[in-house]
Amino acid sequence: MKRKYIKNVRGQLEGYIDTDDNGHESAKNSRGQLLGSYKPETDLTVDVKGQTTSYGDSLSALIEKD
């Protein structure tokens, strides 16, 4: 598993995106709460409620919105 940290302009951790071996990604805030996920086979980003938020990978936007 690979992890990408998302920080604000002050260098504070806002959240992170984990990518598994199949390319599936999940976004979590700095407290570790799930915000949404992205699956490359569907090319959709969905929030924690299962609602489609966009086509393509826009997980970092979910972190910034939190």
Foldseek 3Di string as FASTA:
>chain_A
DDKDFDADPVRHTLWIWDQDPQRKIWIAGPVRHTFWIADPVQQFIAGPVRHTPDRHDDRVVSSVVD
